[in-house]
Protein backbone atom coordinates (compact mmCIF):
# COMPACT_ATOMS: atom_id res chain seq x y z
CA MET A 1 9.47 -1.32 -23.34
CA ALA A 2 9.75 -0.78 -19.12
CA SER A 3 12.88 1.36 -19.69
CA MET A 4 11.51 4.00 -21.79
CA GLY A 5 9.78 7.11 -20.14
CA LEU A 6 7.20 8.90 -21.72
CA GLN A 7 8.97 11.48 -23.60
CA GLY A 8 11.56 8.90 -24.70
CA GLY A 9 14.60 8.46 -23.21
CA THR A 10 15.17 6.21 -19.52
CA ALA A 11 12.18 5.57 -17.31
CA ARG A 12 12.32 7.65 -14.02
CA CYS A 13 12.92 4.35 -11.90
CA TYR A 14 14.79 2.39 -14.14
CA ASP A 15 17.90 2.26 -12.80
CA TRP A 16 16.27 1.18 -9.54
CA TRP A 17 14.77 -1.47 -10.67
CA MET A 18 18.14 -2.32 -12.55
CA ASP A 19 19.83 -2.42 -8.97
CA TYR A 20 17.43 -4.74 -7.53
CA LEU A 21 17.77 -7.16 -10.62
CA LYS A 22 21.86 -6.66 -10.20
CA CYS A 23 21.14 -7.63 -6.63
CA LEU A 24 19.29 -10.37 -7.11
CA ASP A 25 21.66 -11.50 -9.87
CA GLU A 26 24.62 -11.28 -7.90
CA SER A 27 22.73 -12.36 -4.67
CA LYS A 28 25.14 -16.03 -3.80
CA ALA A 29 21.81 -17.12 -1.92
CA PRO A 30 20.89 -20.64 -2.74
CA MET A 31 16.69 -19.96 -3.12
CA MET A 32 15.07 -17.22 -4.73
CA ASN A 33 13.25 -16.29 -1.70
CA MET A 34 16.13 -15.74 0.45
CA ARG A 35 17.35 -13.39 -2.64
CA LYS A 36 14.81 -11.57 -2.44
CA ASP A 37 14.79 -11.04 1.77
CA GLU A 38 18.61 -9.71 0.61
CA CYS A 39 17.75 -7.65 -1.93
CA LYS A 40 14.63 -5.96 -0.21
CA ILE A 41 16.13 -2.46 0.39
CA PHE A 42 16.72 -2.47 -3.15
CA LEU A 43 12.91 -3.27 -4.00
CA GLU A 44 11.75 -0.61 -1.32
CA ASP A 45 13.98 2.58 -3.42
CA TYR A 46 12.24 1.07 -6.54
CA ASN A 47 8.49 1.40 -4.87
CA GLU A 48 9.40 5.00 -3.43
CA CYS A 49 10.40 5.93 -6.79
CA LEU A 50 7.56 4.78 -8.30
CA HIS A 51 4.88 5.68 -5.94
CA ARG A 52 6.58 8.72 -3.57
CA GLN A 53 4.72 7.68 -0.74
CA LYS A 54 7.48 7.93 2.30
CA GLN A 55 7.79 11.77 0.51
CA ARG A 56 4.10 12.37 0.46
CA THR A 57 4.25 11.29 4.08
CA ARG A 58 6.97 13.79 5.20
CA ASP A 59 5.43 16.56 2.84
CA HIS A 60 2.02 16.29 5.06
CA VAL A 61 3.86 16.20 8.12
CA VAL A 62 6.33 19.06 7.57
CA GLU A 63 2.71 21.12 6.11
CA ARG A 64 1.02 20.15 9.16
CA GLN A 65 4.13 21.26 11.51
CA ARG A 66 3.67 25.08 9.45
CA ARG A 67 0.31 25.46 9.94
CA ARG A 68 0.51 24.65 13.71
CA GLU A 69 3.15 27.45 13.97
CA GLU A 70 1.11 29.83 11.98
CA GLY A 71 -1.87 29.16 14.14
CA ALA A 72 0.39 29.57 17.24
CA SER A 73 2.16 32.74 15.74
CA VAL A 74 -1.91 34.13 15.23
CA GLY A 75 -2.82 33.13 18.07
CA ALA A 76 0.04 35.03 20.20
CA SER A 77 0.04 38.15 18.09
CA ALA A 78 -3.59 38.76 18.79
CA GLU A 79 -3.09 38.67 22.41
CA TYR A 80 -0.94 41.86 22.53
């Protein structure tokens, strides 16, 4: 079942998937391609929940910045 998580209960991203399906269902667009375009933001949220690509990208940027700042502070303290 798609709605079941590994340990029972609801799957992590089930609510986002249901929001996407609800948008498709309630859309007034006459053709499915137009409905998909209308509901693209819900599908993006669902995919982010599944793959967490944006979150990983943010984590890498923050980590890179932290390392730069640590390197700069180590270099500055070594000069004194």
